[in-house]
Protein backbone atom coordinates (compact mmCIF):
# COMPACT_ATOMS: atom_id res chain seq x y z
CA GLN A 1 81.76 109.27 90.01
CA ILE A 2 85.55 109.03 89.97
CA ASP A 3 87.09 107.48 86.85
CA SER A 4 90.74 106.94 86.01
CA VAL A 5 90.07 107.18 82.26
CA ASN A 6 90.67 110.70 80.99
CA VAL A 7 89.70 110.85 77.31
CA PHE A 8 88.21 114.33 77.43
CA GLU A 9 88.13 115.30 81.10
CA ARG A 10 87.93 113.52 84.50
CA SER A 11 84.35 112.32 84.98
CA HIS A 12 83.87 114.22 88.26
CA HIS A 13 84.62 117.54 86.50
CA LEU A 14 81.96 117.20 83.80
CA PRO A 15 78.70 117.61 85.82
CA VAL A 16 79.99 120.84 87.36
CA LEU A 17 81.04 122.14 83.93
CA ALA A 18 77.59 121.30 82.55
CA ARG A 19 75.77 123.05 85.37
CA VAL A 20 77.86 126.13 86.03
CA GLY A 21 80.08 126.61 82.99
CA PRO A 22 83.83 127.17 83.14
CA TYR A 23 85.28 126.92 86.64
CA ASP A 24 88.54 126.31 88.47
CA ARG A 25 88.96 122.49 88.33
CA ALA A 26 91.90 122.62 90.75
CA ALA A 27 89.65 124.31 93.35
CA LEU A 28 87.03 121.55 92.93
CA ASP A 29 89.76 118.89 93.35
CA ARG A 30 91.05 120.62 96.50
CA MET A 31 87.51 120.70 97.91
CA LEU A 32 86.71 117.08 97.05
CA PHE A 33 90.09 115.40 97.52
CA GLY A 34 92.03 117.70 99.87
CA GLY A 35 91.34 115.44 102.83
CA GLY A 36 89.79 116.29 106.18
CA GLY A 37 86.90 118.04 104.60
CA ALA A 38 83.23 117.57 104.02
CA TYR A 39 83.71 114.89 101.36
CA THR A 40 85.06 111.36 101.17
CA GLU A 41 85.14 108.45 98.73
CA TYR A 42 83.37 105.14 98.77
CA TRP A 43 81.82 102.54 96.45
CA ALA A 44 78.46 104.30 96.02
CA HIS A 45 77.29 102.70 92.79
CA GLN A 46 80.86 103.18 91.48
CA ALA A 47 83.91 104.83 92.95
CA ALA A 48 82.32 108.10 93.98
CA VAL A 49 82.73 111.27 96.02
CA LEU A 50 80.05 111.73 98.64
CA PRO A 51 79.41 113.91 101.67
CA VAL A 52 81.26 112.42 104.58
CA ASP A 53 78.08 112.56 106.65
CA ASP A 54 76.48 110.15 104.16
CA LEU A 55 79.08 107.41 104.69
CA PRO A 56 77.00 105.65 107.42
CA LEU A 57 74.34 104.96 104.75
CA PHE A 58 76.82 102.44 103.35
CA GLY A 59 77.59 100.68 106.66
CA TRP A 60 75.45 97.70 105.61
CA ARG A 61 77.47 97.41 102.42
CA MET A 62 80.72 97.60 104.34
CA ALA A 63 79.56 94.81 106.65
CA ALA A 64 78.59 92.69 103.61
CA GLU A 65 82.00 93.37 102.04
CA ARG A 66 83.83 92.23 105.19
CA GLU A 67 81.75 89.05 105.29
CA ARG A 68 82.25 88.37 101.56
CA ARG A 69 85.97 89.14 101.50
CA THR A 70 86.87 87.13 104.60
CA ARG A 71 85.14 83.85 103.80
CA PRO A 72 87.21 80.67 103.97
CA GLY A 73 89.46 80.51 100.94
CA SER A 74 89.22 84.26 100.27
CA TRP A 75 92.16 86.38 99.28
CA ALA A 76 91.86 88.52 102.43
CA LEU A 77 91.82 85.49 104.73
CA GLU A 78 94.81 83.97 103.01
CA HIS A 79 96.66 87.27 103.24
CA ALA A 80 95.61 88.19 106.82
CA PRO A 81 99.25 88.67 107.93
CA LEU A 82 99.83 91.20 105.10
CA ILE A 83 96.61 93.04 105.92
CA ALA A 84 97.79 93.24 109.58
CA GLU A 85 101.13 94.63 108.43
CA VAL A 86 99.47 97.26 106.18
CA ARG A 87 97.14 98.19 109.05
CA ALA A 88 100.14 98.59 111.39
CA GLU A 89 101.95 100.70 108.76
CA LEU A 90 98.96 103.10 108.52
CA ALA A 91 98.84 103.30 112.33
CA ARG A 92 102.57 104.16 112.33
CA THR A 93 102.71 106.61 109.43
CA GLY A 94 99.21 108.03 109.23
CA PRO A 95 97.50 108.41 105.83
CA VAL A 96 99.59 107.45 102.78
CA PRO A 97 99.02 106.33 99.16
CA ALA A 98 99.62 102.68 98.33
CA SER A 99 102.87 103.57 96.56
CA ALA A 100 104.37 104.90 99.85
CA ILE A 101 104.05 101.62 101.72
CA GLU A 102 107.32 99.76 101.60
CA HIS A 103 106.76 96.03 101.42
CA GLU A 104 108.18 93.24 99.25
CA SER A 105 104.73 92.57 97.85
CA ASN A 106 104.10 96.18 96.81
CA VAL A 107 104.88 95.39 93.17
CA ARG A 108 102.33 95.93 90.40
CA THR A 109 101.29 92.78 88.54
CA GLY A 110 100.50 94.55 85.28
CA PRO A 111 99.17 97.82 83.78
CA TRP A 112 95.88 99.47 84.78
CA TRP A 113 94.37 97.23 87.43
CA GLY A 114 97.45 95.04 88.01
CA TRP A 115 97.37 95.85 91.71
CA SER A 116 100.07 94.84 94.09
CA ASP A 117 99.09 92.73 97.11
CA VAL A 118 99.52 95.87 99.25
CA LYS A 119 97.01 97.73 97.06
CA ARG A 120 94.62 94.77 97.26
CA ALA A 121 94.92 94.76 101.06
CA LEU A 122 94.18 98.48 101.17
CA GLU A 123 91.19 98.15 98.87
CA ALA A 124 89.79 95.25 100.93
CA MET A 125 90.04 97.30 104.13
CA PHE A 126 88.60 100.34 102.33
CA ALA A 127 85.65 98.25 101.06
CA TRP A 128 84.80 97.01 104.52
CA GLY A 129 85.28 100.45 106.12
CA GLU A 130 88.32 99.83 108.32
CA ILE A 131 90.21 102.50 106.40
CA ALA A 132 88.99 105.52 104.49
CA SER A 133 90.12 107.96 101.85
CA ALA A 134 92.18 110.82 103.31
CA GLY A 135 92.18 112.62 99.98
CA ARG A 136 94.26 112.21 96.84
CA ARG A 137 97.75 112.97 95.53
CA GLY A 138 97.20 113.46 91.85
CA PHE A 139 94.89 110.64 90.98
CA GLU A 140 96.23 108.27 93.68
CA ARG A 141 93.98 107.69 96.68
CA VAL A 142 95.51 108.35 100.07
CA TYR A 143 94.45 105.77 102.65
CA GLY A 144 94.18 106.25 106.40
CA LEU A 145 92.69 104.34 109.33
CA ALA A 146 89.07 105.34 109.67
CA GLU A 147 89.68 106.63 113.21
CA ASP A 148 92.39 108.95 111.85
CA VAL A 149 90.35 110.23 108.88
CA LEU A 150 86.63 110.28 109.68
CA PRO A 151 84.89 112.31 112.34
CA ALA A 152 83.80 110.30 115.40
CA ALA A 153 80.14 111.17 114.73
CA VAL A 154 80.38 109.56 111.29
CA ARG A 155 82.18 106.44 112.56
CA GLU A 156 79.76 105.92 115.42
CA ARG A 157 76.50 106.52 113.52
CA GLU A 158 74.77 103.30 112.58
CA VAL A 159 71.98 103.19 110.04
CA ALA A 160 69.89 100.03 109.70
CA GLU A 161 70.15 98.52 106.19
CA GLU A 162 66.45 98.96 105.52
CA ASP A 163 66.56 102.66 106.49
CA ALA A 164 69.79 103.27 104.50
CA VAL A 165 68.41 101.60 101.38
CA ARG A 166 65.17 103.52 101.64
CA GLU A 167 67.10 106.81 101.91
CA LEU A 168 69.43 105.94 99.06
CA VAL A 169 66.55 104.97 96.77
CA ARG A 170 64.72 108.21 97.75
CA ARG A 171 67.77 110.22 96.79
CA ALA A 172 68.17 108.27 93.53
CA ALA A 173 64.56 108.97 92.65
CA VAL A 174 65.01 112.72 93.30
CA ALA A 175 68.20 112.78 91.26
CA HIS A 176 66.79 110.74 88.36
CA GLY A 177 63.43 112.40 88.30
CA ILE A 178 62.22 109.56 86.17
CA GLY A 179 63.72 106.09 85.80
CA THR A 180 63.16 102.35 86.07
CA ALA A 181 63.29 100.35 89.27
CA ALA A 182 66.68 99.02 88.07
CA ASP A 183 67.96 102.60 87.67
CA LEU A 184 66.99 103.45 91.23
CA GLY A 185 68.25 100.17 92.67
CA ASP A 186 71.73 100.65 91.27
């Protein structure tokens, strides 16, 4: 899990510390967030790092996000021109963090989660799988068009929702060892 709150240590560092003891955190960050590697980010329970080859297991969730986020009256539908501009900017520049996109609406609306409209556009496209994480700069996600960031085999692999959910629940059961149905379903 990726978490922006850093009271003691970034949440993705703690499981490795607990399992192997002291280690080079910068090396882990390079491996996980360096871009172009074996790992990517997606909303797998929470914001999480996962093997890039597992991303197709969330294709059904991406399709549901696109449907949900583009319903009549939705923010994404009302801001379709901005989303098109952001998409074109990524096509022109390649992967960049939200802060690098120059647009009049790229102004934070408050602290923490006071996202600009550009950030909201990026996150919508990220949720529905049109763009993907190309790594991180510090703690800021770098976004790129899926075709520029993900291997073709990952982009082209389709997994039926039933099969994907079955595999994700199987993995959750192995990882939990013991848990409730609600634990596994999350």
